[in-house]
Amino acid sequence: MPALRPHLIKEFFVPTVQEMILEGYTLAFIEEDAKAAAAVGFRYLQFLYNGKHFYIDDLSTLLEYRGKGYAGKLLDFVIEKAKANGYKTVASILVTSVLMRTDYILIKASL
């Protein structure tokens, strides 16, 4: 996650994620070479205007592991989890940052 969120202080990362988990956040990852090569963070949300959905907060792959399809596998994991729980939508505003370059992409998938 440091590649995606370089502003986070290492010592506070785990306690912050633990607190977020209590609030409904889930962090999943693909491990390679004893590293979290790619990770996705998501949560369940419900609003009056659009009902229940999964929201993807974070999606990141370490530079040396890109091109292996890990992000796609993690997105598939989230979508399958949403379907299994009866949710109809997976949504996110993903920020792609490579060397401080940012592109905003709205992803909304109706299941």
N, C-alpha and C. Protein backbone atom coordinates (compact mmCIF):
# COMPACT_ATOMS: atom_id res chain seq x y z
N MET A 1 0.80 -1.20 0.00
CA MET A 1 0.00 0.00 0.00
C MET A 1 0.85 1.28 0.00
N PRO A 2 2.12 1.23 0.43
CA PRO A 2 2.92 2.46 0.40
C PRO A 2 3.06 3.05 -1.00
N ALA A 3 3.01 2.22 -2.03
CA ALA A 3 3.11 2.74 -3.39
C ALA A 3 1.91 3.61 -3.73
N LEU A 4 0.75 3.28 -3.19
CA LEU A 4 -0.47 4.03 -3.47
C LEU A 4 -0.67 5.17 -2.48
N ARG A 5 -0.27 4.95 -1.25
CA ARG A 5 -0.48 5.93 -0.18
C ARG A 5 0.84 6.30 0.49
N PRO A 6 1.75 6.96 -0.24
CA PRO A 6 3.08 7.26 0.31
C PRO A 6 3.04 8.24 1.49
N HIS A 7 1.95 8.95 1.67
CA HIS A 7 1.83 9.90 2.77
C HIS A 7 1.62 9.22 4.13
N LEU A 8 1.26 7.94 4.12
CA LEU A 8 1.00 7.24 5.38
C LEU A 8 2.31 6.97 6.12
N ILE A 9 2.27 7.14 7.42
CA ILE A 9 3.42 6.86 8.26
C ILE A 9 3.38 5.37 8.62
N LYS A 10 4.48 4.68 8.35
CA LYS A 10 4.55 3.23 8.50
C LYS A 10 4.03 2.74 9.85
N GLU A 11 4.40 3.40 10.92
CA GLU A 11 4.03 2.98 12.27
C GLU A 11 2.53 3.06 12.52
N PHE A 12 1.83 3.91 11.76
CA PHE A 12 0.39 4.10 11.96
C PHE A 12 -0.46 3.28 11.00
N PHE A 13 0.17 2.64 10.02
CA PHE A 13 -0.59 1.92 8.99
C PHE A 13 -1.45 0.81 9.60
N VAL A 14 -0.85 -0.10 10.33
CA VAL A 14 -1.60 -1.24 10.89
C VAL A 14 -2.69 -0.77 11.86
N PRO A 15 -2.39 0.11 12.81
CA PRO A 15 -3.48 0.56 13.70
C PRO A 15 -4.61 1.26 12.93
N THR A 16 -4.26 2.00 11.90
CA THR A 16 -5.30 2.68 11.11
C THR A 16 -6.17 1.66 10.39
N VAL A 17 -5.55 0.66 9.77
CA VAL A 17 -6.32 -0.38 9.07
C VAL A 17 -7.17 -1.16 10.07
N GLN A 18 -6.64 -1.46 11.23
CA GLN A 18 -7.42 -2.17 12.25
C GLN A 18 -8.66 -1.37 12.65
N GLU A 19 -8.51 -0.07 12.80
CA GLU A 19 -9.65 0.78 13.13
C GLU A 19 -10.66 0.79 11.98
N MET A 20 -10.15 0.87 10.75
CA MET A 20 -11.03 0.87 9.58
C MET A 20 -11.79 -0.45 9.45
N ILE A 21 -11.15 -1.56 9.81
CA ILE A 21 -11.81 -2.87 9.77
C ILE A 21 -13.01 -2.87 10.71
N LEU A 22 -12.88 -2.25 11.86
CA LEU A 22 -14.01 -2.14 12.79
C LEU A 22 -15.16 -1.33 12.19
N GLU A 23 -14.82 -0.48 11.23
CA GLU A 23 -15.82 0.34 10.55
C GLU A 23 -16.32 -0.31 9.26
N GLY A 24 -15.90 -1.56 8.98
CA GLY A 24 -16.40 -2.28 7.81
C GLY A 24 -15.43 -2.42 6.64
N TYR A 25 -14.22 -1.94 6.79
CA TYR A 25 -13.21 -2.02 5.73
C TYR A 25 -12.63 -3.43 5.66
N THR A 26 -12.37 -3.91 4.45
CA THR A 26 -11.71 -5.19 4.24
C THR A 26 -10.47 -4.96 3.39
N LEU A 27 -9.37 -5.57 3.76
CA LEU A 27 -8.13 -5.47 3.00
C LEU A 27 -7.75 -6.88 2.56
N ALA A 28 -7.63 -7.08 1.24
CA ALA A 28 -7.23 -8.37 0.68
C ALA A 28 -5.99 -8.15 -0.18
N PHE A 29 -5.16 -9.18 -0.29
CA PHE A 29 -3.93 -9.00 -1.07
C PHE A 29 -3.51 -10.30 -1.74
N ILE A 30 -2.64 -10.17 -2.71
CA ILE A 30 -1.99 -11.30 -3.36
C ILE A 30 -0.53 -11.27 -2.95
N GLU A 31 -0.07 -12.38 -2.42
CA GLU A 31 1.30 -12.46 -1.91
C GLU A 31 2.21 -13.13 -2.94
N GLU A 32 3.36 -12.53 -3.13
CA GLU A 32 4.41 -13.12 -3.97
C GLU A 32 5.75 -12.72 -3.37
N ASP A 33 6.67 -13.64 -3.29
CA ASP A 33 8.00 -13.37 -2.73
C ASP A 33 7.91 -12.80 -1.30
N ALA A 34 6.97 -13.31 -0.53
CA ALA A 34 6.74 -12.87 0.86
C ALA A 34 6.39 -11.39 0.96
N LYS A 35 5.82 -10.83 -0.12
CA LYS A 35 5.37 -9.43 -0.13
C LYS A 35 3.91 -9.39 -0.55
N ALA A 36 3.21 -8.36 -0.11
CA ALA A 36 1.88 -8.10 -0.64
C ALA A 36 2.09 -7.42 -1.99
N ALA A 37 2.11 -8.22 -3.05
CA ALA A 37 2.40 -7.72 -4.39
C ALA A 37 1.30 -6.79 -4.90
N ALA A 38 0.07 -7.09 -4.52
CA ALA A 38 -1.07 -6.26 -4.91
C ALA A 38 -2.10 -6.32 -3.78
N ALA A 39 -2.84 -5.23 -3.61
CA ALA A 39 -3.82 -5.19 -2.53
C ALA A 39 -5.05 -4.41 -2.97
N VAL A 40 -6.18 -4.78 -2.37
CA VAL A 40 -7.43 -4.05 -2.58
C VAL A 40 -8.07 -3.82 -1.21
N GLY A 41 -8.57 -2.63 -1.01
CA GLY A 41 -9.30 -2.31 0.21
C GLY A 41 -10.70 -1.87 -0.18
N PHE A 42 -11.70 -2.46 0.47
CA PHE A 42 -13.08 -2.14 0.12
C PHE A 42 -13.97 -2.21 1.35
N ARG A 43 -15.18 -1.71 1.19
CA ARG A 43 -16.14 -1.71 2.30
C ARG A 43 -17.56 -1.86 1.75
N TYR A 44 -18.44 -2.30 2.62
CA TYR A 44 -19.86 -2.40 2.32
C TYR A 44 -20.51 -1.08 2.71
N LEU A 45 -21.32 -0.54 1.82
CA LEU A 45 -22.03 0.69 2.13
C LEU A 45 -23.49 0.55 1.74
N GLN A 46 -24.33 1.34 2.40
CA GLN A 46 -25.73 1.37 2.03
C GLN A 46 -26.22 2.81 2.14
N PHE A 47 -26.88 3.26 1.07
CA PHE A 47 -27.44 4.60 1.03
C PHE A 47 -28.89 4.53 0.60
N LEU A 48 -29.68 5.51 0.99
CA LEU A 48 -31.07 5.55 0.56
C LEU A 48 -31.18 5.73 -0.95
N TYR A 49 -30.28 6.50 -1.53
CA TYR A 49 -30.41 6.80 -2.96
C TYR A 49 -30.01 5.64 -3.88
N ASN A 50 -29.15 4.72 -3.43
CA ASN A 50 -28.75 3.65 -4.34
C ASN A 50 -28.63 2.28 -3.67
N GLY A 51 -29.05 2.16 -2.44
CA GLY A 51 -29.06 0.85 -1.79
C GLY A 51 -27.68 0.37 -1.37
N LYS A 52 -27.55 -0.96 -1.32
CA LYS A 52 -26.32 -1.59 -0.86
C LYS A 52 -25.31 -1.73 -2.00
N HIS A 53 -24.07 -1.44 -1.69
CA HIS A 53 -23.01 -1.67 -2.67
C HIS A 53 -21.66 -1.81 -1.97
N PHE A 54 -20.71 -2.31 -2.72
CA PHE A 54 -19.32 -2.37 -2.27
C PHE A 54 -18.64 -1.14 -2.83
N TYR A 55 -17.80 -0.52 -2.02
CA TYR A 55 -17.01 0.62 -2.50
C TYR A 55 -15.54 0.26 -2.36
N ILE A 56 -14.81 0.38 -3.44
CA ILE A 56 -13.37 0.10 -3.43
C ILE A 56 -12.63 1.39 -3.08
N ASP A 57 -11.96 1.37 -1.94
CA ASP A 57 -11.17 2.51 -1.49
C ASP A 57 -9.79 2.53 -2.14
N ASP A 58 -9.17 1.35 -2.19
CA ASP A 58 -7.77 1.25 -2.59
C ASP A 58 -7.57 0.05 -3.51
N LEU A 59 -6.74 0.24 -4.52
CA LEU A 59 -6.31 -0.85 -5.39
C LEU A 59 -4.89 -0.51 -5.83
N SER A 60 -3.94 -1.36 -5.47
CA SER A 60 -2.55 -1.04 -5.73
C SER A 60 -1.75 -2.29 -6.03
N THR A 61 -0.82 -2.17 -6.97
CA THR A 61 0.13 -3.24 -7.28
C THR A 61 1.53 -2.64 -7.24
N LEU A 62 2.43 -3.31 -6.54
CA LEU A 62 3.82 -2.84 -6.53
C LEU A 62 4.36 -2.84 -7.95
N LEU A 63 5.19 -1.87 -8.25
CA LEU A 63 5.71 -1.67 -9.60
C LEU A 63 6.30 -2.94 -10.20
N GLU A 64 7.08 -3.68 -9.43
CA GLU A 64 7.77 -4.86 -9.96
C GLU A 64 6.83 -6.04 -10.23
N TYR A 65 5.57 -5.94 -9.79
CA TYR A 65 4.61 -7.03 -10.00
C TYR A 65 3.49 -6.64 -10.98
N ARG A 66 3.59 -5.47 -11.57
CA ARG A 66 2.56 -5.04 -12.52
C ARG A 66 2.66 -5.85 -13.81
N GLY A 67 1.54 -5.96 -14.49
CA GLY A 67 1.49 -6.71 -15.75
C GLY A 67 1.20 -8.19 -15.55
N LYS A 68 0.91 -8.61 -14.33
CA LYS A 68 0.63 -10.01 -14.05
C LYS A 68 -0.86 -10.27 -13.85
N GLY A 69 -1.67 -9.24 -14.00
CA GLY A 69 -3.12 -9.40 -13.86
C GLY A 69 -3.62 -9.42 -12.43
N TYR A 70 -2.78 -9.02 -11.48
CA TYR A 70 -3.18 -9.07 -10.08
C TYR A 70 -4.34 -8.11 -9.76
N ALA A 71 -4.32 -6.91 -10.32
CA ALA A 71 -5.40 -5.96 -10.05
C ALA A 71 -6.73 -6.53 -10.55
N GLY A 72 -6.71 -7.12 -11.73
CA GLY A 72 -7.92 -7.74 -12.27
C GLY A 72 -8.43 -8.88 -11.40
N LYS A 73 -7.50 -9.68 -10.88
CA LYS A 73 -7.89 -10.78 -9.98
C LYS A 73 -8.51 -10.25 -8.69
N LEU A 74 -7.95 -9.17 -8.18
CA LEU A 74 -8.51 -8.59 -6.96
C LEU A 74 -9.88 -7.96 -7.21
N LEU A 75 -10.04 -7.31 -8.37
CA LEU A 75 -11.36 -6.78 -8.71
C LEU A 75 -12.37 -7.90 -8.86
N ASP A 76 -11.97 -9.00 -9.51
CA ASP A 76 -12.86 -10.17 -9.64
C ASP A 76 -13.24 -10.71 -8.26
N PHE A 77 -12.28 -10.74 -7.35
CA PHE A 77 -12.54 -11.20 -5.98
C PHE A 77 -13.62 -10.35 -5.31
N VAL A 78 -13.48 -9.04 -5.44
CA VAL A 78 -14.45 -8.13 -4.82
C VAL A 78 -15.83 -8.30 -5.46
N ILE A 79 -15.87 -8.41 -6.78
CA ILE A 79 -17.14 -8.58 -7.48
C ILE A 79 -17.81 -9.89 -7.06
N GLU A 80 -17.06 -10.97 -6.97
CA GLU A 80 -17.63 -12.25 -6.55
C GLU A 80 -18.14 -12.19 -5.12
N LYS A 81 -17.40 -11.50 -4.25
CA LYS A 81 -17.83 -11.35 -2.86
C LYS A 81 -19.12 -10.54 -2.80
N ALA A 82 -19.21 -9.51 -3.62
CA ALA A 82 -20.43 -8.71 -3.67
C ALA A 82 -21.62 -9.55 -4.13
N LYS A 83 -21.43 -10.31 -5.19
CA LYS A 83 -22.50 -11.17 -5.70
C LYS A 83 -22.94 -12.19 -4.65
N ALA A 84 -21.98 -12.80 -3.98
CA ALA A 84 -22.27 -13.82 -2.97
C ALA A 84 -23.08 -13.25 -1.80
N ASN A 85 -22.93 -11.95 -1.55
CA ASN A 85 -23.65 -11.30 -0.45
C ASN A 85 -24.91 -10.58 -0.92
N GLY A 86 -25.26 -10.76 -2.21
CA GLY A 86 -26.49 -10.17 -2.72
C GLY A 86 -26.42 -8.70 -3.06
N TYR A 87 -25.23 -8.15 -3.16
CA TYR A 87 -25.08 -6.74 -3.52
C TYR A 87 -25.18 -6.60 -5.03
N LYS A 88 -25.71 -5.47 -5.48
CA LYS A 88 -25.94 -5.27 -6.90
C LYS A 88 -24.93 -4.34 -7.56
N THR A 89 -24.11 -3.65 -6.77
CA THR A 89 -23.21 -2.66 -7.34
C THR A 89 -21.84 -2.70 -6.66
N VAL A 90 -20.79 -2.56 -7.47
CA VAL A 90 -19.44 -2.32 -6.98
C VAL A 90 -19.03 -1.00 -7.61
N ALA A 91 -18.60 -0.04 -6.79
CA ALA A 91 -18.27 1.27 -7.30
C ALA A 91 -16.96 1.76 -6.70
N SER A 92 -16.31 2.66 -7.43
CA SER A 92 -15.09 3.28 -6.93
C SER A 92 -14.73 4.48 -7.77
N ILE A 93 -13.98 5.35 -7.18
CA ILE A 93 -13.25 6.36 -7.93
C ILE A 93 -11.80 5.99 -7.70
N LEU A 94 -11.20 5.39 -8.70
CA LEU A 94 -9.82 4.93 -8.55
C LEU A 94 -8.88 6.04 -8.99
N VAL A 95 -7.87 6.25 -8.22
CA VAL A 95 -6.83 7.21 -8.56
C VAL A 95 -5.59 6.42 -8.92
N THR A 96 -5.17 6.53 -10.17
CA THR A 96 -3.98 5.85 -10.62
C THR A 96 -2.82 6.81 -10.46
N SER A 97 -1.86 6.46 -9.63
CA SER A 97 -0.74 7.37 -9.45
C SER A 97 0.57 6.64 -9.71
N VAL A 98 1.27 7.11 -10.71
CA VAL A 98 2.59 6.60 -11.04
C VAL A 98 3.50 7.82 -11.10
N LEU A 99 4.43 7.89 -10.16
CA LEU A 99 5.33 9.04 -10.08
C LEU A 99 4.55 10.36 -10.03
N MET A 100 3.55 10.38 -9.16
CA MET A 100 2.72 11.56 -8.91
C MET A 100 1.80 11.93 -10.07
N ARG A 101 1.64 11.07 -11.06
CA ARG A 101 0.67 11.30 -12.14
C ARG A 101 -0.67 10.80 -11.64
N THR A 102 -1.73 11.54 -11.85
CA THR A 102 -3.04 11.08 -11.38
C THR A 102 -4.07 11.10 -12.50
N ASP A 103 -4.84 10.05 -12.57
CA ASP A 103 -5.98 9.95 -13.47
C ASP A 103 -7.14 9.47 -12.62
N TYR A 104 -8.27 10.11 -12.74
CA TYR A 104 -9.43 9.72 -11.97
C TYR A 104 -10.36 8.91 -12.86
N ILE A 105 -10.71 7.74 -12.40
CA ILE A 105 -11.55 6.84 -13.18
C ILE A 105 -12.72 6.41 -12.31
N LEU A 106 -13.92 6.68 -12.76
CA LEU A 106 -15.10 6.22 -12.03
C LEU A 106 -15.45 4.83 -12.54
N ILE A 107 -15.51 3.88 -11.63
CA ILE A 107 -15.88 2.53 -11.97
C ILE A 107 -17.18 2.23 -11.26
N LYS A 108 -18.18 1.81 -12.01
CA LYS A 108 -19.43 1.38 -11.41
C LYS A 108 -19.90 0.17 -12.18
N ALA A 109 -19.99 -0.93 -11.51
CA ALA A 109 -20.42 -2.16 -12.16
C ALA A 109 -21.72 -2.62 -11.52
N SER A 110 -22.73 -2.76 -12.33
CA SER A 110 -23.98 -3.35 -11.85
C SER A 110 -23.87 -4.83 -12.00
N LEU A 111 -24.18 -5.57 -10.95
CA LEU A 111 -24.00 -7.03 -10.95
C LEU A 111 -25.30 -7.74 -11.21
